[in-house]
Structure formats: structure tokens, C-alpha cells
PDB file of N, CA and C in Angstrom:
ATOM      1  N   UNK A   1       0.839  -1.177   0.000  1.00  0.00           N
ATOM      2  CA  UNK A   1       0.000   0.000   0.000  1.00  0.00           C
ATOM      3  C   UNK A   1       0.889   1.247   0.000  1.00  0.00           C
ATOM      4  N   UNK A   2       0.599   2.198  -0.859  1.00  0.00           N
ATOM      5  CA  UNK A   2       1.381   3.412  -0.988  1.00  0.00           C
ATOM      6  C   UNK A   2       1.114   4.327   0.206  1.00  0.00           C
ATOM      7  N   UNK A   3       2.163   4.868   0.843  1.00  0.00           N
ATOM      8  CA  UNK A   3       1.932   5.757   1.978  1.00  0.00           C
ATOM      9  C   UNK A   3       1.305   7.076   1.517  1.00  0.00           C
ATOM     10  N   UNK A   4       0.471   7.640   2.360  1.00  0.00           N
ATOM     11  CA  UNK A   4      -0.166   8.913   2.030  1.00  0.00           C
ATOM     12  C   UNK A   4       0.858  10.037   2.133  1.00  0.00           C
ATOM     13  N   UNK A   5       0.711  11.049   1.290  1.00  0.00           N
ATOM     14  CA  UNK A   5       1.600  12.203   1.336  1.00  0.00           C
ATOM     15  C   UNK A   5       1.420  12.928   2.669  1.00  0.00           C
ATOM     16  N   UNK A   6       2.392  13.741   2.987  1.00  0.00           N
ATOM     17  CA  UNK A   6       2.392  14.465   4.254  1.00  0.00           C
ATOM     18  C   UNK A   6       1.075  15.220   4.473  1.00  0.00           C
ATOM     19  N   UNK A   7       0.499  15.064   5.625  1.00  0.00           N
ATOM     20  CA  UNK A   7      -0.716  15.735   6.079  1.00  0.00           C
ATOM     21  C   UNK A   7      -1.999  15.235   5.421  1.00  0.00           C
ATOM     22  N   UNK A   8      -1.941  14.252   4.535  1.00  0.00           N
ATOM     23  CA  UNK A   8      -3.157  13.770   3.862  1.00  0.00           C
ATOM     24  C   UNK A   8      -4.116  13.096   4.837  1.00  0.00           C
ATOM     25  N   UNK A   9      -3.571  12.391   5.830  1.00  0.00           N
ATOM     26  CA  UNK A   9      -4.435  11.726   6.809  1.00  0.00           C
ATOM     27  C   UNK A   9      -5.206  12.765   7.603  1.00  0.00           C
ATOM     28  N   UNK A  10      -4.546  13.848   8.011  1.00  0.00           N
ATOM     29  CA  UNK A  10      -5.234  14.921   8.727  1.00  0.00           C
ATOM     30  C   UNK A  10      -6.341  15.516   7.869  1.00  0.00           C
ATOM     31  N   UNK A  11      -6.034  15.764   6.599  1.00  0.00           N
ATOM     32  CA  UNK A  11      -7.034  16.337   5.699  1.00  0.00           C
ATOM     33  C   UNK A  11      -8.223  15.408   5.580  1.00  0.00           C
ATOM     34  N   UNK A  12      -7.968  14.124   5.407  1.00  0.00           N
ATOM     35  CA  UNK A  12      -9.047  13.141   5.281  1.00  0.00           C
ATOM     36  C   UNK A  12      -9.915  13.160   6.541  1.00  0.00           C
ATOM     37  N   UNK A  13      -9.280  13.181   7.722  1.00  0.00           N
ATOM     38  CA  UNK A  13     -10.033  13.204   8.977  1.00  0.00           C
ATOM     39  C   UNK A  13     -10.860  14.479   9.104  1.00  0.00           C
ATOM     40  N   UNK A  14     -10.286  15.635   8.738  1.00  0.00           N
ATOM     41  CA  UNK A  14     -11.038  16.894   8.811  1.00  0.00           C
ATOM     42  C   UNK A  14     -12.256  16.863   7.905  1.00  0.00           C
ATOM     43  N   UNK A  15     -12.150  16.201   6.757  1.00  0.00           N
ATOM     44  CA  UNK A  15     -13.273  16.137   5.817  1.00  0.00           C
ATOM     45  C   UNK A  15     -14.362  15.178   6.292  1.00  0.00           C
ATOM     46  N   UNK A  16     -13.978  14.130   6.997  1.00  0.00           N
ATOM     47  CA  UNK A  16     -14.927  13.090   7.374  1.00  0.00           C
ATOM     48  C   UNK A  16     -15.612  13.326   8.718  1.00  0.00           C
ATOM     49  N   UNK A  17     -14.931  14.037   9.630  1.00  0.00           N
ATOM     50  CA  UNK A  17     -15.464  14.211  10.976  1.00  0.00           C
ATOM     51  C   UNK A  17     -16.346  15.456  11.080  1.00  0.00           C
ATOM     52  N   UNK A  18     -17.305  15.441  12.014  1.00  0.00           N
ATOM     53  CA  UNK A  18     -18.107  16.648  12.254  1.00  0.00           C
ATOM     54  C   UNK A  18     -17.211  17.801  12.707  1.00  0.00           C
ATOM     55  N   UNK A  19     -17.646  19.026  12.484  1.00  0.00           N
ATOM     56  CA  UNK A  19     -16.877  20.230  12.775  1.00  0.00           C
ATOM     57  C   UNK A  19     -16.076  20.231  14.061  1.00  0.00           C
ATOM     58  N   UNK A  20     -16.723  20.042  15.221  1.00  0.00           N
ATOM     59  CA  UNK A  20     -15.965  20.111  16.474  1.00  0.00           C
ATOM     60  C   UNK A  20     -14.855  19.048  16.562  1.00  0.00           C
ATOM     61  N   UNK A  21     -15.097  17.868  16.033  1.00  0.00           N
ATOM     62  CA  UNK A  21     -14.070  16.824  16.064  1.00  0.00           C
ATOM     63  C   UNK A  21     -12.965  17.086  15.040  1.00  0.00           C
ATOM     64  N   UNK A  22     -13.329  17.664  13.906  1.00  0.00           N
ATOM     65  CA  UNK A  22     -12.304  17.931  12.887  1.00  0.00           C
ATOM     66  C   UNK A  22     -11.292  18.954  13.377  1.00  0.00           C
ATOM     67  N   UNK A  23     -11.702  19.804  14.332  1.00  0.00           N
ATOM     68  CA  UNK A  23     -10.771  20.788  14.896  1.00  0.00           C
ATOM     69  C   UNK A  23      -9.621  20.122  15.649  1.00  0.00           C
ATOM     70  N   UNK A  24      -9.786  18.847  16.009  1.00  0.00           N
ATOM     71  CA  UNK A  24      -8.711  18.119  16.692  1.00  0.00           C
ATOM     72  C   UNK A  24      -7.561  17.774  15.745  1.00  0.00           C
ATOM     73  N   UNK A  25      -7.788  17.929  14.437  1.00  0.00           N
ATOM     74  CA  UNK A  25      -6.789  17.587  13.420  1.00  0.00           C
ATOM     75  C   UNK A  25      -6.539  18.792  12.518  1.00  0.00           C
ATOM     76  N   UNK A  26      -5.854  19.817  13.040  1.00  0.00           N
ATOM     77  CA  UNK A  26      -5.633  21.036  12.246  1.00  0.00           C
ATOM     78  C   UNK A  26      -4.710  20.781  11.059  1.00  0.00           C
ATOM     79  N   UNK A  27      -4.693  21.737  10.149  1.00  0.00           N
ATOM     80  CA  UNK A  27      -3.754  21.672   9.030  1.00  0.00           C
ATOM     81  C   UNK A  27      -2.339  21.592   9.581  1.00  0.00           C
ATOM     82  N   UNK A  28      -1.455  20.962   8.829  1.00  0.00           N
ATOM     83  CA  UNK A  28      -0.061  20.900   9.235  1.00  0.00           C
ATOM     84  C   UNK A  28       0.592  22.268   9.161  1.00  0.00           C
ATOM     85  N   UNK A  29       1.480  22.539  10.099  1.00  0.00           N
ATOM     86  CA  UNK A  29       2.149  23.842  10.144  1.00  0.00           C
ATOM     87  C   UNK A  29       3.252  23.952   9.093  1.00  0.00           C
ATOM     88  N   UNK A  30       3.858  22.828   8.739  1.00  0.00           N
ATOM     89  CA  UNK A  30       4.928  22.834   7.749  1.00  0.00           C
ATOM     90  C   UNK A  30       4.389  22.825   6.329  1.00  0.00           C
ATOM     91  N   UNK A  31       5.277  22.654   5.380  1.00  0.00           N
ATOM     92  CA  UNK A  31       4.927  22.604   3.970  1.00  0.00           C
ATOM     93  C   UNK A  31       4.651  21.155   3.568  1.00  0.00           C
ATOM     94  N   UNK A  32       3.448  20.891   3.040  1.00  0.00           N
ATOM     95  CA  UNK A  32       3.096  19.523   2.651  1.00  0.00           C
ATOM     96  C   UNK A  32       3.866  19.076   1.406  1.00  0.00           C
ATOM     97  N   UNK A  33       4.320  20.043   0.604  1.00  0.00           N
ATOM     98  CA  UNK A  33       5.092  19.726  -0.587  1.00  0.00           C
ATOM     99  C   UNK A  33       4.266  19.297  -1.787  1.00  0.00           C
ATOM    100  N   UNK A  34       2.950  19.213  -1.630  1.00  0.00           N
ATOM    101  CA  UNK A  34       2.075  18.794  -2.729  1.00  0.00           C
ATOM    102  C   UNK A  34       0.732  19.499  -2.568  1.00  0.00           C
ATOM    103  N   UNK A  35       0.737  20.810  -2.773  1.00  0.00           N
ATOM    104  CA  UNK A  35      -0.440  21.624  -2.491  1.00  0.00           C
ATOM    105  C   UNK A  35      -1.630  21.286  -3.388  1.00  0.00           C
ATOM    106  N   UNK A  36      -2.788  21.306  -2.775  1.00  0.00           N
ATOM    107  CA  UNK A  36      -4.066  21.266  -3.477  1.00  0.00           C
ATOM    108  C   UNK A  36      -4.791  22.525  -3.042  1.00  0.00           C
ATOM    109  N   UNK A  37      -5.091  23.390  -3.998  1.00  0.00           N
ATOM    110  CA  UNK A  37      -5.540  24.739  -3.697  1.00  0.00           C
ATOM    111  C   UNK A  37      -7.050  24.867  -3.626  1.00  0.00           C
ATOM    112  N   UNK A  38      -7.481  25.772  -2.755  1.00  0.00           N
ATOM    113  CA  UNK A  38      -8.858  26.264  -2.753  1.00  0.00           C
ATOM    114  C   UNK A  38      -8.771  27.772  -2.571  1.00  0.00           C
ATOM    115  N   UNK A  39      -9.817  28.425  -2.969  1.00  0.00           N
ATOM    116  CA  UNK A  39      -9.830  29.874  -2.887  1.00  0.00           C
ATOM    117  C   UNK A  39     -10.476  30.277  -1.570  1.00  0.00           C
ATOM    118  N   UNK A  40      -9.708  30.927  -0.689  1.00  0.00           N
ATOM    119  CA  UNK A  40     -10.271  31.299   0.607  1.00  0.00           C
ATOM    120  C   UNK A  40     -10.962  32.661   0.545  1.00  0.00           C
ATOM    121  N   UNK A  41     -10.569  33.506  -0.394  1.00  0.00           N
ATOM    122  CA  UNK A  41     -11.277  34.753  -0.689  1.00  0.00           C
ATOM    123  C   UNK A  41     -10.877  35.157  -2.110  1.00  0.00           C
ATOM    124  N   UNK A  42     -11.297  36.333  -2.543  1.00  0.00           N
ATOM    125  CA  UNK A  42     -11.057  36.716  -3.930  1.00  0.00           C
ATOM    126  C   UNK A  42      -9.582  36.882  -4.263  1.00  0.00           C
ATOM    127  N   UNK A  43      -8.772  37.128  -3.260  1.00  0.00           N
ATOM    128  CA  UNK A  43      -7.369  37.419  -3.524  1.00  0.00           C
ATOM    129  C   UNK A  43      -6.405  36.361  -2.987  1.00  0.00           C
ATOM    130  N   UNK A  44      -6.910  35.345  -2.300  1.00  0.00           N
ATOM    131  CA  UNK A  44      -6.033  34.399  -1.612  1.00  0.00           C
ATOM    132  C   UNK A  44      -6.413  32.959  -1.904  1.00  0.00           C
ATOM    133  N   UNK A  45      -5.420  32.154  -2.237  1.00  0.00           N
ATOM    134  CA  UNK A  45      -5.586  30.712  -2.399  1.00  0.00           C
ATOM    135  C   UNK A  45      -4.811  30.035  -1.282  1.00  0.00           C
ATOM    136  N   UNK A  46      -5.373  28.962  -0.720  1.00  0.00           N
ATOM    137  CA  UNK A  46      -4.731  28.229   0.370  1.00  0.00           C
ATOM    138  C   UNK A  46      -4.721  26.740   0.049  1.00  0.00           C
ATOM    139  N   UNK A  47      -3.738  26.054   0.617  1.00  0.00           N
ATOM    140  CA  UNK A  47      -3.646  24.607   0.466  1.00  0.00           C
ATOM    141  C   UNK A  47      -4.597  23.940   1.468  1.00  0.00           C
ATOM    142  N   UNK A  48      -5.259  22.876   1.049  1.00  0.00           N
ATOM    143  CA  UNK A  48      -6.158  22.158   1.954  1.00  0.00           C
ATOM    144  C   UNK A  48      -5.391  21.360   2.996  1.00  0.00           C
ATOM    145  N   UNK A  49      -4.087  21.133   2.781  1.00  0.00           N
ATOM    146  CA  UNK A  49      -3.313  20.262   3.657  1.00  0.00           C
ATOM    147  C   UNK A  49      -2.456  20.999   4.684  1.00  0.00           C
ATOM    148  N   UNK A  50      -1.920  22.174   4.323  1.00  0.00           N
ATOM    149  CA  UNK A  50      -0.935  22.810   5.211  1.00  0.00           C
ATOM    150  C   UNK A  50      -1.141  24.310   5.295  1.00  0.00           C
ATOM    151  N   UNK A  51      -0.682  24.883   6.413  1.00  0.00           N
ATOM    152  CA  UNK A  51      -0.761  26.333   6.623  1.00  0.00           C
ATOM    153  C   UNK A  51       0.263  27.080   5.771  1.00  0.00           C
ATOM    154  N   UNK A  52       1.339  26.408   5.400  1.00  0.00           N
ATOM    155  CA  UNK A  52       2.390  27.066   4.617  1.00  0.00           C
ATOM    156  C   UNK A  52       1.935  27.380   3.191  1.00  0.00           C
ATOM    157  N   UNK A  53       0.973  26.639   2.683  1.00  0.00           N
ATOM    158  CA  UNK A  53       0.512  26.823   1.312  1.00  0.00           C
ATOM    159  C   UNK A  53      -0.469  27.971   1.198  1.00  0.00           C
ATOM    160  N   UNK A  54       0.053  29.190   0.941  1.00  0.00           N
ATOM    161  CA  UNK A  54      -0.762  30.390   0.768  1.00  0.00           C
ATOM    162  C   UNK A  54      -0.160  31.191  -0.375  1.00  0.00           C
ATOM    163  N   UNK A  55      -1.004  31.662  -1.287  1.00  0.00           N
ATOM    164  CA  UNK A  55      -0.513  32.490  -2.380  1.00  0.00           C
ATOM    165  C   UNK A  55      -1.579  33.502  -2.774  1.00  0.00           C
ATOM    166  N   UNK A  56      -1.130  34.603  -3.321  1.00  0.00           N
ATOM    167  CA  UNK A  56      -2.045  35.610  -3.873  1.00  0.00           C
ATOM    168  C   UNK A  56      -2.037  35.552  -5.405  1.00  0.00           C
ATOM    169  N   UNK A  57      -1.199  34.704  -5.961  1.00  0.00           N
ATOM    170  CA  UNK A  57      -1.174  34.469  -7.404  1.00  0.00           C
ATOM    171  C   UNK A  57      -2.050  33.264  -7.711  1.00  0.00           C
ATOM    172  N   UNK A  58      -2.831  33.334  -8.746  1.00  0.00           N
ATOM    173  CA  UNK A  58      -3.704  32.225  -9.113  1.00  0.00           C
ATOM    174  C   UNK A  58      -2.862  30.993  -9.453  1.00  0.00           C
ATOM    175  N   UNK A  59      -2.961  29.920  -8.653  1.00  0.00           N
ATOM    176  CA  UNK A  59      -2.149  28.730  -8.908  1.00  0.00           C
ATOM    177  C   UNK A  59      -2.758  27.806  -9.954  1.00  0.00           C
ATOM    178  N   UNK A  60      -3.973  28.104 -10.381  1.00  0.00           N
ATOM    179  CA  UNK A  60      -4.666  27.233 -11.324  1.00  0.00           C
ATOM    180  C   UNK A  60      -4.347  27.611 -12.757  1.00  0.00           C
ATOM    181  N   UNK A  61      -4.365  26.623 -13.632  1.00  0.00           N
ATOM    182  CA  UNK A  61      -4.201  26.894 -15.059  1.00  0.00           C
ATOM    183  C   UNK A  61      -5.450  27.635 -15.549  1.00  0.00           C
ATOM    184  N   UNK A  62      -5.381  28.272 -16.721  1.00  0.00           N
ATOM    185  CA  UNK A  62      -6.576  28.924 -17.260  1.00  0.00           C
ATOM    186  C   UNK A  62      -7.759  27.957 -17.404  1.00  0.00           C
ATOM    187  N   UNK A  63      -7.474  26.714 -17.782  1.00  0.00           N
ATOM    188  CA  UNK A  63      -8.543  25.728 -17.933  1.00  0.00           C
ATOM    189  C   UNK A  63      -9.207  25.424 -16.585  1.00  0.00           C
ATOM    190  N   UNK A  64      -8.364  25.240 -15.543  1.00  0.00           N
ATOM    191  CA  UNK A  64      -8.907  24.978 -14.204  1.00  0.00           C
ATOM    192  C   UNK A  64      -9.685  26.180 -13.689  1.00  0.00           C
ATOM    193  N   UNK A  65      -9.158  27.383 -13.933  1.00  0.00           N
ATOM    194  CA  UNK A  65      -9.840  28.597 -13.495  1.00  0.00           C
ATOM    195  C   UNK A  65     -11.209  28.696 -14.148  1.00  0.00           C
ATOM    196  N   UNK A  66     -11.280  28.461 -15.457  1.00  0.00           N
ATOM    197  CA  UNK A  66     -12.566  28.523 -16.160  1.00  0.00           C
ATOM    198  C   UNK A  66     -13.526  27.474 -15.616  1.00  0.00           C
ATOM    199  N   UNK A  67     -13.047  26.252 -15.456  1.00  0.00           N
ATOM    200  CA  UNK A  67     -13.898  25.164 -14.966  1.00  0.00           C
ATOM    201  C   UNK A  67     -14.429  25.452 -13.560  1.00  0.00           C
ATOM    202  N   UNK A  68     -13.548  25.885 -12.663  1.00  0.00           N
ATOM    203  CA  UNK A  68     -13.971  26.145 -11.291  1.00  0.00           C
ATOM    204  C   UNK A  68     -14.861  27.378 -11.196  1.00  0.00           C
ATOM    205  N   UNK A  69     -14.599  28.392 -12.020  1.00  0.00           N
ATOM    206  CA  UNK A  69     -15.482  29.569 -12.040  1.00  0.00           C
ATOM    207  C   UNK A  69     -16.869  29.182 -12.535  1.00  0.00           C
ATOM    208  N   UNK A  70     -16.926  28.350 -13.571  1.00  0.00           N
ATOM    209  CA  UNK A  70     -18.228  27.901 -14.082  1.00  0.00           C
ATOM    210  C   UNK A  70     -18.970  27.048 -13.059  1.00  0.00           C
ATOM    211  N   UNK A  71     -18.239  26.237 -12.305  1.00  0.00           N
ATOM    212  CA  UNK A  71     -18.879  25.435 -11.252  1.00  0.00           C
ATOM    213  C   UNK A  71     -19.468  26.350 -10.179  1.00  0.00           C
ATOM    214  N   UNK A  72     -18.743  27.406  -9.809  1.00  0.00           N
ATOM    215  CA  UNK A  72     -19.246  28.354  -8.817  1.00  0.00           C
ATOM    216  C   UNK A  72     -20.466  29.104  -9.351  1.00  0.00           C
ATOM    217  N   UNK A  73     -20.447  29.451 -10.645  1.00  0.00           N
ATOM    218  CA  UNK A  73     -21.608  30.101 -11.264  1.00  0.00           C
ATOM    219  C   UNK A  73     -22.814  29.173 -11.184  1.00  0.00           C
ATOM    220  N   UNK A  74     -22.596  27.895 -11.471  1.00  0.00           N
ATOM    221  CA  UNK A  74     -23.685  26.919 -11.389  1.00  0.00           C
ATOM    222  C   UNK A  74     -24.254  26.809  -9.987  1.00  0.00           C
ATOM    223  N   UNK A  75     -23.384  26.849  -9.010  1.00  0.00           N
ATOM    224  CA  UNK A  75     -23.822  26.776  -7.620  1.00  0.00           C
ATOM    225  C   UNK A  75     -24.661  27.994  -7.243  1.00  0.00           C
ATOM    226  N   UNK A  76     -24.212  29.180  -7.660  1.00  0.00           N
ATOM    227  CA  UNK A  76     -24.989  30.389  -7.389  1.00  0.00           C
ATOM    228  C   UNK A  76     -26.329  30.351  -8.115  1.00  0.00           C
ATOM    229  N   UNK A  77     -26.328  29.866  -9.351  1.00  0.00           N
ATOM    230  CA  UNK A  77     -27.568  29.775 -10.114  1.00  0.00           C
ATOM    231  C   UNK A  77     -28.549  28.808  -9.458  1.00  0.00           C
ATOM    232  N   UNK A  78     -28.033  27.709  -8.934  1.00  0.00           N
ATOM    233  CA  UNK A  78     -28.886  26.752  -8.238  1.00  0.00           C
ATOM    234  C   UNK A  78     -29.531  27.394  -7.010  1.00  0.00           C
ATOM    235  N   UNK A  79     -28.752  28.185  -6.288  1.00  0.00           N
ATOM    236  CA  UNK A  79     -29.299  28.900  -5.130  1.00  0.00           C
ATOM    237  C   UNK A  79     -30.350  29.911  -5.532  1.00  0.00           C
ATOM    238  N   UNK A  80     -30.166  30.539  -6.701  1.00  0.00           N
ATOM    239  CA  UNK A  80     -31.120  31.542  -7.178  1.00  0.00           C
ATOM    240  C   UNK A  80     -32.473  30.927  -7.514  1.00  0.00           C
ATOM    241  N   UNK A  81     -32.521  29.624  -7.754  1.00  0.00           N
ATOM    242  CA  UNK A  81     -33.790  28.959  -8.008  1.00  0.00           C
ATOM    243  C   UNK A  81     -34.628  28.847  -6.735  1.00  0.00           C
ATOM    244  N   UNK A  82     -33.965  28.893  -5.580  1.00  0.00           N
ATOM    245  CA  UNK A  82     -34.646  28.720  -4.309  1.00  0.00           C
ATOM    246  C   UNK A  82     -34.962  30.039  -3.614  1.00  0.00           C
ATOM    247  N   UNK A  83     -34.186  31.086  -3.906  1.00  0.00           N
ATOM    248  CA  UNK A  83     -34.384  32.389  -3.261  1.00  0.00           C
ATOM    249  C   UNK A  83     -33.665  33.446  -4.082  1.00  0.00           C
ATOM    250  N   UNK A  84     -34.047  34.700  -3.911  1.00  0.00           N
ATOM    251  CA  UNK A  84     -33.338  35.763  -4.638  1.00  0.00           C
ATOM    252  C   UNK A  84     -31.883  35.852  -4.174  1.00  0.00           C
ATOM    253  N   UNK A  85     -30.999  36.183  -5.099  1.00  0.00           N
ATOM    254  CA  UNK A  85     -29.594  36.362  -4.749  1.00  0.00           C
ATOM    255  C   UNK A  85     -29.412  37.664  -3.979  1.00  0.00           C
ATOM    256  N   UNK A  86     -28.479  37.647  -3.034  1.00  0.00           N
ATOM    257  CA  UNK A  86     -28.136  38.866  -2.314  1.00  0.00           C
ATOM    258  C   UNK A  86     -27.278  39.744  -3.220  1.00  0.00           C
ATOM    259  N   UNK A  87     -27.095  40.987  -2.834  1.00  0.00           N
ATOM    260  CA  UNK A  87     -26.251  41.891  -3.620  1.00  0.00           C
ATOM    261  C   UNK A  87     -24.815  41.363  -3.693  1.00  0.00           C
ATOM    262  N   UNK A  88     -24.326  40.809  -2.593  1.00  0.00           N
ATOM    263  CA  UNK A  88     -22.981  40.236  -2.582  1.00  0.00           C
ATOM    264  C   UNK A  88     -22.882  39.069  -3.567  1.00  0.00           C
ATOM    265  N   UNK A  89     -23.895  38.210  -3.595  1.00  0.00           N
ATOM    266  CA  UNK A  89     -23.891  37.075  -4.518  1.00  0.00           C
ATOM    267  C   UNK A  89     -23.943  37.536  -5.966  1.00  0.00           C
ATOM    268  N   UNK A  90     -24.677  38.598  -6.246  1.00  0.00           N
ATOM    269  CA  UNK A  90     -24.727  39.148  -7.608  1.00  0.00           C
ATOM    270  C   UNK A  90     -23.346  39.676  -7.996  1.00  0.00           C
ATOM    271  N   UNK A  91     -22.667  40.334  -7.045  1.00  0.00           N
ATOM    272  CA  UNK A  91     -21.300  40.803  -7.311  1.00  0.00           C
ATOM    273  C   UNK A  91     -20.361  39.632  -7.577  1.00  0.00           C
ATOM    274  N   UNK A  92     -20.491  38.565  -6.794  1.00  0.00           N
ATOM    275  CA  UNK A  92     -19.684  37.362  -7.016  1.00  0.00           C
ATOM    276  C   UNK A  92     -19.953  36.805  -8.406  1.00  0.00           C
ATOM    277  N   UNK A  93     -21.228  36.749  -8.769  1.00  0.00           N
ATOM    278  CA  UNK A  93     -21.604  36.203 -10.066  1.00  0.00           C
ATOM    279  C   UNK A  93     -20.975  37.017 -11.197  1.00  0.00           C
ATOM    280  N   UNK A  94     -21.056  38.338 -11.096  1.00  0.00           N
ATOM    281  CA  UNK A  94     -20.438  39.198 -12.117  1.00  0.00           C
ATOM    282  C   UNK A  94     -18.939  38.923 -12.226  1.00  0.00           C
ATOM    283  N   UNK A  95     -18.278  38.811 -11.091  1.00  0.00           N
ATOM    284  CA  UNK A  95     -16.836  38.580 -11.095  1.00  0.00           C
ATOM    285  C   UNK A  95     -16.495  37.206 -11.654  1.00  0.00           C
ATOM    286  N   UNK A  96     -17.265  36.194 -11.269  1.00  0.00           N
ATOM    287  CA  UNK A  96     -17.004  34.841 -11.760  1.00  0.00           C
ATOM    288  C   UNK A  96     -17.187  34.748 -13.275  1.00  0.00           C
ATOM    289  N   UNK A  97     -18.208  35.417 -13.790  1.00  0.00           N
ATOM    290  CA  UNK A  97     -18.437  35.408 -15.238  1.00  0.00           C
ATOM    291  C   UNK A  97     -17.256  36.074 -15.951  1.00  0.00           C
ATOM    292  N   UNK A  98     -16.810  37.214 -15.436  1.00  0.00           N
ATOM    293  CA  UNK A  98     -15.660  37.900 -16.046  1.00  0.00           C
ATOM    294  C   UNK A  98     -14.408  37.035 -15.966  1.00  0.00           C
ATOM    295  N   UNK A  99     -14.207  36.392 -14.824  1.00  0.00           N
ATOM    296  CA  UNK A  99     -13.032  35.541 -14.647  1.00  0.00           C
ATOM    297  C   UNK A  99     -13.071  34.329 -15.577  1.00  0.00           C
ATOM    298  N   UNK A 100     -14.231  33.706 -15.710  1.00  0.00           N
ATOM    299  CA  UNK A 100     -14.379  32.558 -16.610  1.00  0.00           C
ATOM    300  C   UNK A 100     -14.137  32.979 -18.063  1.00  0.00           C
ATOM    301  N   UNK A 101     -14.645  34.149 -18.437  1.00  0.00           N
ATOM    302  CA  UNK A 101     -14.426  34.644 -19.802  1.00  0.00           C
ATOM    303  C   UNK A 101     -12.950  34.883 -20.077  1.00  0.00           C
ATOM    304  N   UNK A 102     -12.258  35.545 -19.142  1.00  0.00           N
ATOM    305  CA  UNK A 102     -10.825  35.807 -19.320  1.00  0.00           C
ATOM    306  C   UNK A 102     -10.033  34.504 -19.384  1.00  0.00           C
ATOM    307  N   UNK A 103     -10.310  33.591 -18.461  1.00  0.00           N
ATOM    308  CA  UNK A 103      -9.571  32.324 -18.429  1.00  0.00           C
ATOM    309  C   UNK A 103      -9.811  31.519 -19.704  1.00  0.00           C
ATOM    310  N   UNK A 104     -11.043  31.545 -20.208  1.00  0.00           N
ATOM    311  CA  UNK A 104     -11.362  30.819 -21.438  1.00  0.00           C
ATOM    312  C   UNK A 104     -10.610  31.432 -22.625  1.00  0.00           C
ATOM    313  N   UNK A 105     -10.558  32.757 -22.675  1.00  0.00           N
ATOM    314  CA  UNK A 105      -9.831  33.438 -23.748  1.00  0.00           C
ATOM    315  C   UNK A 105      -8.344  33.107 -23.691  1.00  0.00           C
ATOM    316  N   UNK A 106      -7.772  33.158 -22.486  1.00  0.00           N
ATOM    317  CA  UNK A 106      -6.347  32.846 -22.317  1.00  0.00           C
ATOM    318  C   UNK A 106      -6.081  31.401 -22.718  1.00  0.00           C
ATOM    319  N   UNK A 107      -6.938  30.488 -22.293  1.00  0.00           N
ATOM    320  CA  UNK A 107      -6.750  29.070 -22.620  1.00  0.00           C
ATOM    321  C   UNK A 107      -6.864  28.842 -24.131  1.00  0.00           C
ATOM    322  N   UNK A 108      -7.817  29.494 -24.760  1.00  0.00           N
ATOM    323  CA  UNK A 108      -8.036  29.318 -26.197  1.00  0.00           C
ATOM    324  C   UNK A 108      -6.881  29.885 -27.010  1.00  0.00           C
ATOM    325  N   UNK A 109      -6.402  31.059 -26.619  1.00  0.00           N
ATOM    326  CA  UNK A 109      -5.345  31.718 -27.379  1.00  0.00           C
ATOM    327  C   UNK A 109      -3.954  31.264 -26.962  1.00  0.00           C
ATOM    328  N   UNK A 110      -3.869  30.581 -25.815  1.00  0.00           N
ATOM    329  CA  UNK A 110      -2.572  30.147 -25.332  1.00  0.00           C
ATOM    330  C   UNK A 110      -1.689  31.299 -24.904  1.00  0.00           C
ATOM    331  N   UNK A 111      -2.320  32.430 -24.587  1.00  0.00           N
ATOM    332  CA  UNK A 111      -1.543  33.596 -24.170  1.00  0.00           C
ATOM    333  C   UNK A 111      -1.346  33.575 -22.667  1.00  0.00           C
ATOM    334  N   UNK A 112      -0.297  34.216 -22.262  1.00  0.00           N
ATOM    335  CA  UNK A 112      -0.034  34.363 -20.831  1.00  0.00           C
ATOM    336  C   UNK A 112      -0.502  35.739 -20.446  1.00  0.00           C
ATOM    337  N   UNK A 113      -1.407  35.794 -19.496  1.00  0.00           N
ATOM    338  CA  UNK A 113      -1.923  37.082 -19.039  1.00  0.00           C
ATOM    339  C   UNK A 113      -2.281  37.011 -17.589  1.00  0.00           C
ATOM    340  N   UNK A 114      -2.652  38.120 -17.061  1.00  0.00           N
ATOM    341  CA  UNK A 114      -3.045  38.180 -15.662  1.00  0.00           C
ATOM    342  C   UNK A 114      -4.466  37.681 -15.544  1.00  0.00           C
ATOM    343  N   UNK A 115      -4.688  36.818 -14.586  1.00  0.00           N
ATOM    344  CA  UNK A 115      -6.038  36.336 -14.320  1.00  0.00           C
ATOM    345  C   UNK A 115      -6.851  37.491 -13.766  1.00  0.00           C
ATOM    346  N   UNK A 116      -8.173  37.402 -13.852  1.00  0.00           N
ATOM    347  CA  UNK A 116      -9.050  38.455 -13.328  1.00  0.00           C
ATOM    348  C   UNK A 116      -8.815  38.609 -11.835  1.00  0.00           C
ATOM    349  N   UNK A 117      -8.771  39.825 -11.392  1.00  0.00           N
ATOM    350  CA  UNK A 117      -8.559  40.098  -9.969  1.00  0.00           C
ATOM    351  C   UNK A 117      -9.862  40.233  -9.262  1.00  0.00           C
TER     352      UNK A 117
END
């Protein structure tokens, strides 16, 4: 059996356990060496495994950015079927659409450019 990468067991436990119990297994303080990114806010990406994995530069390829932006748009649209969107959600939607458009253009043209901020 292949050993799990550093901090993967903690991540697995945090995902599987209820909130209060998952707090017993915090992210690793060191560098996991194999970051898997999530967006913690509009300007910051963090690693799911370690505290050291933090960046303000988009770590995703244009294709990943477009795919994940479209998934977020779908999630917001699904919520809009159940209730009106808040002003903040409408702002998120506008930004996600712009970001998906830019990432798709960059991916299609193969150009290197700045991702939407």
C-alpha cells in the first residue's frame, strides 16, 4: 500500500469528521510539498493540507480557473432557483463570469496574461 503524502491523513479526517471533532486535526504547520488549492477569498488561495501553502497568485491553469469559475456560477444559479440572490452574490456572479471569460480566452489563445482580480 502506498503511503499517504504528508498531512493527507489529517485532511481526510477533517473532511470526514463533524466540525468540532475535525478541529482536533488542524492543518499541518509545515509545507506539505504537494499543495491542493482552494480559494479562501477573492485574492487568496490556500492549500487544503498545510498552513504554509498560501498564495495571492492564481495557482490554477486557465482551464482549471474557467472550470472552477463555471462550477461556482452553477452553484450560485442553483441557489437563485430557491431564493433571490443577495447583492454580494450578484457581485460574485459578475466577477465569476468575467473571470471565466478571461480564463477561457487565455486558454483558447494560449496567451499568458493576468487572471481576473
